[in-house]
Amino acid sequence: MNELANKSVIVLGAGASGVSAAVLAHRKGAAVCLVDSGSGQRLDDTKRQLAPLGIHVEPAWQPTEDKCECDLCVISPGVPADSPMARHFLDKGVQMVSELEFGSWYCNIPKLAITGTNGKTTVVEMLTHCLEGIGRRVKACGNIGLPLSQVALDGADEDVLVVEVSSYQLEMTRHFACQAAALLNITPDHLSRHHTMEAYRDIKLKLLQQVADGGVCVLRKDLTSEPEIINTLTGKRLLTFTSEESSADYAVRDGALCRINDNGCTKLLPLSALPYNGSHNYENCLAVLAMGEAAGISPTELAPHLATFHIGPHRMEVIWEHNGVKYVNDSKATNLDAMVQSLRKFGNDRRDIALIAGGLTKGCDLGAALPDIKKYAKGAFLIGASRHELAQLWGADVPCVECDSLDEAFAKATACVAAGGTVLLSPGCASMDMFSDYIERGRSFVNLVERLRDSELDQ
């Protein structure tokens, strides 16, 4: 339904994505109502902002029989497909589309789409940087913070869009046309919304399924052993990557990022040239090179720009080292697999990590990280809604301290490794029980480190 003139559109969810979709629908000639089950100052401000456009905003919205008349329903990623709000329209047979797909209707620009449990933001930023480095006009959008509907509103004329795609965005996405799609990894996350790993996996696979026949799918090599995944790739070209020695198309060999094919192994960039390390970062680089090839760009042209990319804050970020103690901000670790990656990167056989963890668990198995916590952590300092549950699960194997605030956890973790070690903020959980997002949580940690540093230097 790309023609919206004189149509009625209801947009579910008044966050950034919903607001952009509502304004876009209005610009295309539709009568628009933006609804949200919440209330408060933010929604009141949105209502005032959109009123001059003739867009009706309804906070504290509740479904009733007389509230289903519309030609199209656009659902924001923050609204679950099985929520009462969404079910109200789906049960009435109203056409429903995700904001991601809706925005794509009006963005006729080639799209490189990236999904996965971990690393997708870094890969999007890295690929965007490399494409800019070779002179392409490129914009990063999607789950990274700029809704695709806003890109359409802005009248973007880039050569390519690099789109970060989350499972939330994919729930109600059926026809998202992209030139190539990457699935970086799949580990437990967001199970409080998707309920089972099978459902979560199947939602992620929807992105690959929507790549047109002849298009390219990029996957980490180990995922190709799963029949459910391979079955989605019929008619598509496959490129694989891994940081291990293997027969993948892109891999690490002899200390370098390499392209491997029937003609042998081409070294593209030595690992020593990268301003970051760790197998997860090498895999991010390899995924970028594979996505570049999918877009018709030689990896030899793209690879040098990986050496000038710098990873953003809150991702295994070393803030300060002093008197044998290292302070690491990994607030972006919002699931247990990301926490495990951080433990392995900074851990050693001295078991000298003071781990700050906890928050909203998103329905995942909190015990899954225990083997690595036992191996690397001297103590766990637990915050947020899950602190008691984590203490119960981990307490028999590692000393656990339940803390009422990040400040308390930081002070006790610092004391724990005063003789040497690492204070590691890697929560393994979402942040919204205590903070607005992982960025605020990370900044709060950084502020605590800087306060400690200033006090130490003043002495």
Protein backbone atom coordinates (compact mmCIF):
# COMPACT_ATOMS: atom_id res chain seq x y z
CA MET A 1 0.00 0.00 0.00
CA ASN A 2 2.50 2.59 -1.16
CA GLU A 3 -0.24 5.00 -2.24
CA LEU A 4 -1.62 6.56 0.93
CA ALA A 5 -3.56 9.57 -0.39
CA ASN A 6 -6.95 9.71 1.34
CA LYS A 7 -6.19 6.55 3.30
CA SER A 8 -6.44 6.11 7.08
CA VAL A 9 -3.28 5.04 8.92
CA ILE A 10 -2.85 4.16 12.58
CA VAL A 11 0.70 4.03 13.95
CA LEU A 12 1.31 1.95 17.09
CA GLY A 13 3.96 3.28 19.48
CA ALA A 14 5.00 6.92 19.83
CA GLY A 15 8.75 6.54 20.14
CA ALA A 16 11.17 7.92 17.56
CA SER A 17 10.26 5.27 14.96
CA GLY A 18 6.52 5.76 15.42
CA VAL A 19 6.71 9.54 15.22
CA SER A 20 8.77 9.37 12.02
CA ALA A 21 6.34 6.87 10.49
CA ALA A 22 3.35 9.03 11.43
CA VAL A 23 4.86 12.15 9.84
CA LEU A 24 5.84 10.17 6.73
CA ALA A 25 2.33 8.76 6.35
CA HIS A 26 0.89 12.25 6.76
CA ARG A 27 3.27 13.60 4.11
CA LYS A 28 2.07 10.88 1.73
CA GLY A 29 -1.51 12.10 2.10
CA ALA A 30 -2.95 9.82 4.79
CA ALA A 31 -5.09 10.74 7.75
CA VAL A 32 -2.92 9.62 10.66
CA CYS A 33 -3.52 8.66 14.27
CA LEU A 34 -0.51 7.88 16.49
CA VAL A 35 -1.40 5.80 19.54
CA ASP A 36 0.59 4.65 22.57
CA SER A 37 -0.40 2.68 25.66
CA GLY A 38 1.79 4.88 27.86
CA SER A 39 1.33 8.39 29.14
CA GLY A 40 3.40 11.21 30.58
CA GLN A 41 5.24 14.37 29.64
CA ARG A 42 7.04 12.91 26.63
CA LEU A 43 3.77 11.90 24.99
CA ASP A 44 2.15 15.21 25.86
CA ASP A 45 5.06 16.96 24.13
CA THR A 46 4.67 14.69 21.09
CA LYS A 47 0.98 15.50 20.93
CA ARG A 48 1.69 19.23 20.90
CA GLN A 49 4.48 18.78 18.34
CA LEU A 50 2.30 16.90 15.84
CA ALA A 51 -0.98 18.76 16.32
CA PRO A 52 -0.14 21.50 13.76
CA LEU A 53 0.27 18.77 11.11
CA GLY A 54 -3.18 17.40 11.85
CA ILE A 55 -1.77 14.16 13.28
CA HIS A 56 -3.86 13.00 16.20
CA VAL A 57 -1.86 11.56 19.11
CA GLU A 58 -3.66 9.42 21.66
CA PRO A 59 -1.74 8.47 24.84
CA ALA A 60 -3.00 5.79 27.25
CA TRP A 61 -4.69 4.12 24.30
CA GLN A 62 -6.89 1.12 24.97
CA PRO A 63 -8.38 -1.12 22.24
CA THR A 64 -12.15 -0.96 21.80
CA GLU A 65 -14.49 -2.15 19.07
CA ASP A 66 -14.77 1.30 17.50
CA LYS A 67 -10.98 1.72 17.31
CA CYS A 68 -9.99 -0.53 14.45
CA GLU A 69 -11.12 1.35 11.36
CA CYS A 70 -8.06 2.05 9.23
CA ASP A 71 -6.53 1.05 5.91
CA LEU A 72 -3.07 0.37 7.30
CA CYS A 73 -1.47 -0.13 10.70
CA VAL A 74 2.25 0.65 11.13
CA ILE A 75 3.81 -0.96 14.20
CA SER A 76 6.86 0.46 15.98
CA PRO A 77 9.61 -1.94 17.10
CA GLY A 78 8.86 -1.20 20.75
CA VAL A 79 5.36 -2.70 20.43
CA PRO A 80 5.36 -6.54 20.52
CA ALA A 81 3.37 -8.29 17.81
CA ASP A 82 1.54 -10.30 20.49
CA SER A 83 0.63 -7.26 22.60
CA PRO A 84 -3.08 -6.45 23.14
CA MET A 85 -2.59 -3.31 21.05
CA ALA A 86 -1.23 -5.21 18.04
CA ARG A 87 -3.60 -8.18 18.43
CA HIS A 88 -6.56 -5.82 18.34
CA PHE A 89 -5.77 -4.90 14.74
CA LEU A 90 -4.41 -8.25 13.59
CA ASP A 91 -7.53 -10.08 14.79
CA LYS A 92 -9.64 -7.65 12.77
CA GLY A 93 -7.65 -8.45 9.63
CA VAL A 94 -6.11 -4.98 9.34
CA GLN A 95 -2.96 -4.89 7.20
CA MET A 96 -0.01 -4.38 9.58
CA VAL A 97 3.54 -3.54 8.61
CA SER A 98 6.67 -2.77 10.60
CA GLU A 99 8.10 0.73 10.63
CA LEU A 100 11.23 -0.74 9.00
CA GLU A 101 9.30 -2.04 6.02
CA PHE A 102 7.06 1.04 5.86
CA GLY A 103 10.06 3.35 5.71
CA SER A 104 11.68 1.18 3.04
CA TRP A 105 8.71 1.78 0.72
CA TYR A 106 9.90 5.36 0.33
CA CYS A 107 13.68 4.78 0.38
CA ASN A 108 14.65 3.65 -3.12
CA ILE A 109 18.32 3.35 -2.24
CA PRO A 110 20.32 0.08 -2.17
CA LYS A 111 20.37 -1.33 1.35
CA LEU A 112 22.95 -3.45 3.15
CA ALA A 113 21.22 -4.97 6.18
CA ILE A 114 22.90 -6.41 9.26
CA THR A 115 21.40 -8.39 12.11
CA GLY A 116 22.64 -10.67 14.88
CA THR A 117 22.56 -10.89 18.64
CA ASN A 118 25.90 -9.15 19.18
CA GLY A 119 28.15 -6.89 17.15
CA LYS A 120 25.63 -5.48 14.70
CA THR A 121 26.05 -1.85 15.77
CA THR A 122 29.83 -2.11 15.50
CA VAL A 123 29.60 -3.76 12.07
CA VAL A 124 27.19 -1.09 10.85
CA GLU A 125 29.51 1.68 12.06
CA MET A 126 32.56 -0.10 10.67
CA LEU A 127 31.01 -0.75 7.25
CA THR A 128 29.75 2.83 7.05
CA HIS A 129 33.24 4.13 7.86
CA CYS A 130 34.87 1.94 5.22
CA LEU A 131 32.36 2.87 2.52
CA GLU A 132 32.89 6.54 3.30
CA GLY A 133 36.63 5.89 3.07
CA ILE A 134 36.31 4.78 -0.56
CA GLY A 135 34.16 7.77 -1.44
CA ARG A 136 30.66 6.33 -1.26
CA ARG A 137 27.79 8.48 0.01
CA VAL A 138 26.43 6.34 2.81
CA LYS A 139 24.11 6.65 5.79
CA ALA A 140 23.75 4.31 8.78
CA CYS A 141 20.17 3.85 9.89
CA GLY A 142 17.61 1.49 11.38
CA ASN A 143 18.11 0.16 14.89
CA ILE A 144 21.29 2.22 15.27
CA GLY A 145 19.08 5.23 16.05
CA LEU A 146 17.85 6.77 12.78
CA PRO A 147 14.51 5.23 11.72
CA LEU A 148 14.19 4.36 8.06
CA SER A 149 11.02 6.47 7.95
CA GLN A 150 13.11 9.47 8.99
CA VAL A 151 15.61 8.72 6.23
CA ALA A 152 12.70 8.85 3.77
CA LEU A 153 11.46 12.11 5.29
CA ASP A 154 14.90 13.65 4.96
CA GLY A 155 14.95 12.87 1.25
CA ALA A 156 18.19 10.94 1.43
CA ASP A 157 20.09 10.60 -1.86
CA GLU A 158 22.98 8.44 -0.65
CA ASP A 159 24.57 5.73 -2.76
CA VAL A 160 23.79 3.12 -0.13
CA LEU A 161 22.11 2.70 3.25
CA VAL A 162 23.67 0.49 5.92
CA VAL A 163 20.74 -0.72 8.01
CA GLU A 164 21.00 -2.23 11.48
CA VAL A 165 18.05 -4.58 11.93
CA SER A 166 16.83 -5.90 15.29
CA SER A 167 14.51 -8.81 16.01
CA TYR A 168 11.92 -6.30 17.21
CA GLN A 169 11.91 -4.66 13.80
CA LEU A 170 11.62 -7.99 11.99
CA GLU A 171 8.55 -9.33 13.80
CA MET A 172 6.11 -7.72 11.35
CA THR A 173 8.47 -7.32 8.38
CA ARG A 174 7.64 -9.43 5.33
CA HIS A 175 8.98 -7.58 2.29
CA PHE A 176 12.11 -5.64 3.19
CA ALA A 177 14.14 -5.53 0.00
CA CYS A 178 17.88 -5.31 0.56
CA GLN A 179 20.85 -5.89 -1.70
CA ALA A 180 22.57 -8.09 0.88
CA ALA A 181 21.96 -9.22 4.45
CA ALA A 182 24.33 -10.39 7.16
CA LEU A 183 23.51 -12.66 10.10
CA LEU A 184 26.45 -12.27 12.47
CA ASN A 185 25.47 -14.71 15.22
CA ILE A 186 22.51 -16.02 17.22
CA THR A 187 22.70 -16.47 20.98
CA PRO A 188 19.98 -16.19 23.66
CA ASP A 189 18.52 -12.68 23.94
CA HIS A 190 15.13 -10.96 24.19
CA LEU A 191 13.45 -14.21 25.23
CA SER A 192 11.07 -12.29 27.49
CA ARG A 193 9.58 -11.02 24.21
CA HIS A 194 10.18 -13.88 21.78
CA HIS A 195 9.72 -16.65 24.42
CA THR A 196 11.87 -19.39 22.82
CA MET A 197 15.22 -19.58 21.06
CA GLU A 198 13.50 -21.17 18.07
CA ALA A 199 11.13 -18.23 17.71
CA TYR A 200 13.99 -15.75 18.15
CA ARG A 201 16.07 -17.57 15.51
CA ASP A 202 13.17 -17.72 13.06
CA ILE A 203 12.57 -13.98 13.40
CA LYS A 204 16.24 -13.27 12.67
CA LEU A 205 16.08 -15.56 9.63
CA LYS A 206 13.27 -13.47 8.17
CA LEU A 207 15.89 -10.94 7.08
CA LEU A 208 17.73 -13.57 5.01
CA GLN A 209 14.47 -14.89 3.56
CA GLN A 210 13.63 -11.44 2.24
CA VAL A 211 16.82 -11.10 0.21
CA ALA A 212 15.83 -11.46 -3.43
CA ASP A 213 16.90 -14.53 -5.39
CA GLY A 214 20.42 -13.92 -6.61
CA GLY A 215 21.14 -11.62 -3.70
CA VAL A 216 23.86 -12.25 -1.14
CA CYS A 217 23.60 -13.54 2.42
CA VAL A 218 26.61 -13.23 4.74
CA LEU A 219 26.81 -15.66 7.68
CA ARG A 220 29.32 -16.72 10.29
CA LYS A 221 30.60 -20.09 9.14
CA ASP A 222 29.29 -22.15 12.07
CA LEU A 223 25.70 -21.09 11.33
CA THR A 224 25.78 -22.95 8.02
CA SER A 225 25.69 -26.25 9.91
CA GLU A 226 22.11 -25.60 11.01
CA PRO A 227 19.52 -26.98 8.53
CA GLU A 228 16.91 -24.39 9.55
CA ILE A 229 19.31 -21.66 8.48
CA ILE A 230 20.60 -23.26 5.29
CA ASN A 231 17.02 -23.88 4.14
CA THR A 232 16.43 -20.12 4.03
CA LEU A 233 19.25 -19.58 1.54
CA THR A 234 17.81 -21.29 -1.53
CA GLY A 235 18.42 -19.18 -4.62
CA LYS A 236 20.81 -16.83 -2.83
CA ARG A 237 24.57 -16.48 -2.93
CA LEU A 238 26.34 -17.26 0.35
CA LEU A 239 29.50 -15.70 1.79
CA THR A 240 30.85 -16.97 5.11
CA PHE A 241 33.31 -15.65 7.67
CA THR A 242 35.02 -16.80 10.85
CA SER A 243 37.96 -15.75 12.98
CA GLU A 244 39.13 -19.37 13.08
CA GLU A 245 41.26 -21.32 10.61
CA SER A 246 38.66 -22.77 8.27
CA SER A 247 37.34 -23.00 4.74
CA ALA A 248 35.17 -19.90 5.15
CA ASP A 249 35.26 -17.28 2.43
CA TYR A 250 36.71 -14.76 4.90
CA ALA A 251 38.89 -15.94 7.77
CA VAL A 252 41.94 -15.16 9.88
CA ARG A 253 45.08 -16.93 8.70
CA ASP A 254 48.72 -16.35 9.56
CA GLY A 255 47.92 -13.22 11.55
CA ALA A 256 45.91 -11.51 8.81
CA LEU A 257 42.38 -10.96 7.53
CA CYS A 258 42.12 -13.10 4.41
CA ARG A 259 39.88 -13.80 1.41
CA ILE A 260 39.87 -17.51 0.63
CA ASN A 261 38.69 -19.06 -2.62
CA ASP A 262 39.59 -21.81 -5.06
CA ASN A 263 42.66 -19.88 -6.12
CA GLY A 264 44.08 -19.81 -2.61
CA CYS A 265 44.34 -17.30 0.21
CA THR A 266 44.70 -13.55 -0.30
CA LYS A 267 45.99 -11.62 2.69
CA LEU A 268 44.04 -8.37 2.98
CA LEU A 269 45.28 -6.74 6.19
CA PRO A 270 47.55 -7.87 9.04
CA LEU A 271 45.84 -7.98 12.42
CA SER A 272 48.65 -5.84 13.78
CA ALA A 273 47.38 -2.94 11.66
CA LEU A 274 44.06 -2.83 13.52
CA PRO A 275 43.67 -0.43 16.49
CA TYR A 276 41.59 -3.09 18.31
CA ASN A 277 41.90 -6.79 18.94
CA GLY A 278 39.88 -9.82 20.00
CA SER A 279 38.30 -12.56 17.90
CA HIS A 280 34.91 -10.85 18.02
CA ASN A 281 36.40 -7.71 16.44
CA TYR A 282 38.21 -9.73 13.80
CA GLU A 283 34.91 -11.36 12.88
CA ASN A 284 33.30 -7.92 12.67
CA CYS A 285 36.01 -6.92 10.18
CA LEU A 286 35.51 -10.06 8.13
CA ALA A 287 31.75 -9.51 8.02
CA VAL A 288 32.36 -5.97 6.77
CA LEU A 289 34.63 -7.23 3.98
CA ALA A 290 32.07 -9.86 2.98
CA MET A 291 29.27 -7.27 2.91
CA GLY A 292 31.48 -5.04 0.79
CA GLU A 293 31.98 -7.86 -1.70
CA ALA A 294 28.22 -8.42 -1.68
CA ALA A 295 27.87 -4.78 -2.76
CA GLY A 296 30.39 -5.26 -5.56
CA ILE A 297 33.40 -3.76 -3.79
CA SER A 298 36.77 -5.52 -3.83
CA PRO A 299 37.96 -6.46 -0.32
CA THR A 300 41.43 -5.17 -1.22
CA GLU A 301 39.87 -1.73 -1.71
CA LEU A 302 37.88 -1.82 1.53
CA ALA A 303 40.34 -3.50 3.91
CA PRO A 304 42.79 -0.59 4.48
CA HIS A 305 39.99 1.53 5.97
CA LEU A 306 39.46 -1.00 8.78
CA ALA A 307 42.78 0.23 10.19
CA THR A 308 41.39 3.76 10.65
CA PHE A 309 38.16 2.74 12.38
CA HIS A 310 37.85 3.22 16.13
CA ILE A 311 35.27 1.32 18.15
CA GLY A 312 32.74 3.51 19.91
CA PRO A 313 32.34 3.89 23.68
CA HIS A 314 30.73 1.38 26.05
CA ARG A 315 32.13 -1.63 24.16
CA MET A 316 34.99 -3.23 26.13
CA GLU A 317 36.33 0.29 26.59
CA VAL A 318 39.39 0.55 28.85
CA ILE A 319 38.85 3.78 30.79
CA TRP A 320 41.86 3.87 33.12
CA GLU A 321 44.75 1.76 34.39
CA HIS A 322 46.36 2.64 37.70
CA ASN A 323 48.44 0.73 40.23
CA GLY A 324 47.75 -2.57 38.52
CA VAL A 325 43.99 -2.06 38.31
CA LYS A 326 42.19 -1.75 34.97
CA TYR A 327 38.70 -0.20 34.66
CA VAL A 328 36.63 -1.44 31.70
CA ASN A 329 33.29 -0.06 30.51
CA ASP A 330 31.37 -2.74 28.61
CA SER A 331 27.89 -1.39 29.27
CA LYS A 332 26.86 -2.40 25.74
CA ALA A 333 26.97 -6.04 26.94
CA THR A 334 23.22 -6.39 27.39
CA ASN A 335 23.09 -10.19 27.13
CA LEU A 336 25.04 -13.07 28.61
CA ASP A 337 26.95 -13.97 25.46
CA ALA A 338 28.35 -10.44 25.28
CA MET A 339 29.33 -10.68 28.96
CA VAL A 340 31.12 -13.97 28.30
CA GLN A 341 33.06 -12.40 25.41
CA SER A 342 34.21 -9.64 27.74
CA LEU A 343 35.22 -12.04 30.51
CA ARG A 344 37.29 -14.03 28.04
CA LYS A 345 38.97 -10.93 26.63
CA PHE A 346 40.01 -9.48 30.00
CA GLY A 347 40.24 -12.66 32.07
CA ASN A 348 43.31 -14.69 32.92
CA ASP A 349 44.33 -17.62 35.09
CA ARG A 350 44.69 -15.32 38.11
CA ARG A 351 40.91 -14.99 38.32
CA ASP A 352 41.23 -11.29 39.10
CA ILE A 353 38.10 -9.72 37.58
CA ALA A 354 35.65 -7.85 39.81
CA LEU A 355 32.52 -8.14 37.67
CA ILE A 356 29.67 -5.64 37.90
CA ALA A 357 26.57 -7.30 36.44
CA GLY A 358 22.80 -7.27 36.59
CA GLY A 359 19.74 -5.44 35.35
CA LEU A 360 16.81 -6.70 33.27
CA THR A 361 17.44 -10.26 32.10
CA LYS A 362 15.17 -10.31 29.03
CA GLY A 363 14.12 -13.88 29.85
CA CYS A 364 17.49 -15.52 29.25
CA ASP A 365 19.16 -18.32 31.21
CA LEU A 366 21.33 -16.46 33.68
CA GLY A 367 23.20 -19.60 34.63
CA ALA A 368 24.71 -19.99 31.15
CA ALA A 369 27.60 -17.64 31.93
CA LEU A 370 28.60 -19.42 35.14
CA PRO A 371 31.51 -21.49 33.73
CA ASP A 372 33.28 -18.32 32.54
CA ILE A 373 32.43 -16.41 35.71
CA LYS A 374 33.96 -19.23 37.78
CA LYS A 375 37.04 -19.23 35.56
CA TYR A 376 37.74 -15.49 35.51
CA ALA A 377 35.89 -13.61 38.27
CA LYS A 378 37.21 -12.97 41.76
CA GLY A 379 33.84 -11.59 42.76
CA ALA A 380 30.51 -10.45 41.29
CA PHE A 381 28.91 -7.19 42.37
CA LEU A 382 25.29 -7.33 41.39
CA ILE A 383 22.89 -4.50 40.63
CA GLY A 384 19.39 -3.99 39.35
CA ALA A 385 16.27 -6.12 39.17
CA SER A 386 18.14 -9.42 38.72
CA ARG A 387 20.71 -9.01 41.50
CA HIS A 388 19.08 -11.44 43.91
CA GLU A 389 18.43 -14.03 41.19
CA LEU A 390 22.03 -13.80 40.01
CA ALA A 391 23.33 -14.15 43.56
CA GLN A 392 21.27 -17.32 43.97
CA LEU A 393 22.56 -18.78 40.70
CA TRP A 394 26.23 -17.82 41.00
CA GLY A 395 26.80 -17.52 44.74
CA ALA A 396 27.87 -21.11 45.34
CA ASP A 397 30.75 -20.75 42.87
CA VAL A 398 31.89 -17.12 43.14
CA PRO A 399 31.53 -14.54 45.93
CA CYS A 400 28.50 -12.39 45.13
CA VAL A 401 27.55 -9.05 46.68
CA GLU A 402 24.10 -7.57 46.08
CA CYS A 403 24.34 -3.78 45.71
CA ASP A 404 21.65 -1.11 45.77
CA SER A 405 23.37 1.15 43.25
CA LEU A 406 26.12 1.27 40.65
CA ASP A 407 28.06 3.56 42.99
CA GLU A 408 28.05 0.89 45.71
CA ALA A 409 28.99 -1.87 43.26
CA PHE A 410 31.84 0.23 41.88
CA ALA A 411 33.27 0.99 45.32
CA LYS A 412 33.13 -2.65 46.42
CA ALA A 413 34.51 -3.96 43.12
CA THR A 414 37.40 -1.49 43.34
CA ALA A 415 38.20 -2.66 46.87
CA CYS A 416 38.03 -6.30 45.72
CA VAL A 417 40.90 -5.87 43.23
CA ALA A 418 42.88 -3.17 45.04
CA ALA A 419 45.98 -5.39 44.88
CA GLY A 420 45.63 -5.78 41.11
CA GLY A 421 43.01 -6.88 38.60
CA THR A 422 40.13 -5.55 36.52
CA VAL A 423 36.92 -3.79 37.46
CA LEU A 424 34.66 -4.85 34.62
CA LEU A 425 31.22 -3.38 34.00
CA SER A 426 29.70 -6.02 31.73
CA PRO A 427 26.14 -6.37 32.98
CA GLY A 428 24.82 -9.14 30.73
CA CYS A 429 21.43 -7.47 31.12
CA ALA A 430 19.43 -4.54 29.84
CA SER A 431 19.64 -1.27 31.74
CA MET A 432 16.15 0.20 31.84
CA ASP A 433 15.41 -0.79 35.44
CA MET A 434 18.01 1.75 36.64
CA PHE A 435 19.01 3.84 33.61
CA SER A 436 17.44 5.22 30.44
CA ASP A 437 19.70 3.01 28.31
CA TYR A 438 23.12 1.32 28.21
CA ILE A 439 24.71 4.65 27.27
CA GLU A 440 23.60 6.33 30.50
CA ARG A 441 24.76 3.29 32.46
CA GLY A 442 28.16 3.40 30.77
CA ARG A 443 28.53 7.13 31.30
CA SER A 444 27.69 6.70 34.97
CA PHE A 445 30.47 4.12 35.26
CA VAL A 446 32.91 6.38 33.42
CA ASN A 447 32.01 9.25 35.77
CA LEU A 448 32.79 7.03 38.76
CA VAL A 449 36.17 6.09 37.28
CA GLU A 450 37.00 9.72 36.52
CA ARG A 451 36.01 10.78 40.02
CA LEU A 452 38.31 8.12 41.47
CA ARG A 453 41.11 9.12 39.11
CA ASP A 454 40.81 12.78 40.07
CA SER A 455 40.91 11.95 43.77
CA GLU A 456 43.97 9.73 43.29
CA LEU A 457 45.82 12.38 41.27
CA ASP A 458 45.01 15.10 43.81
CA GLN A 459 46.78 13.20 46.57
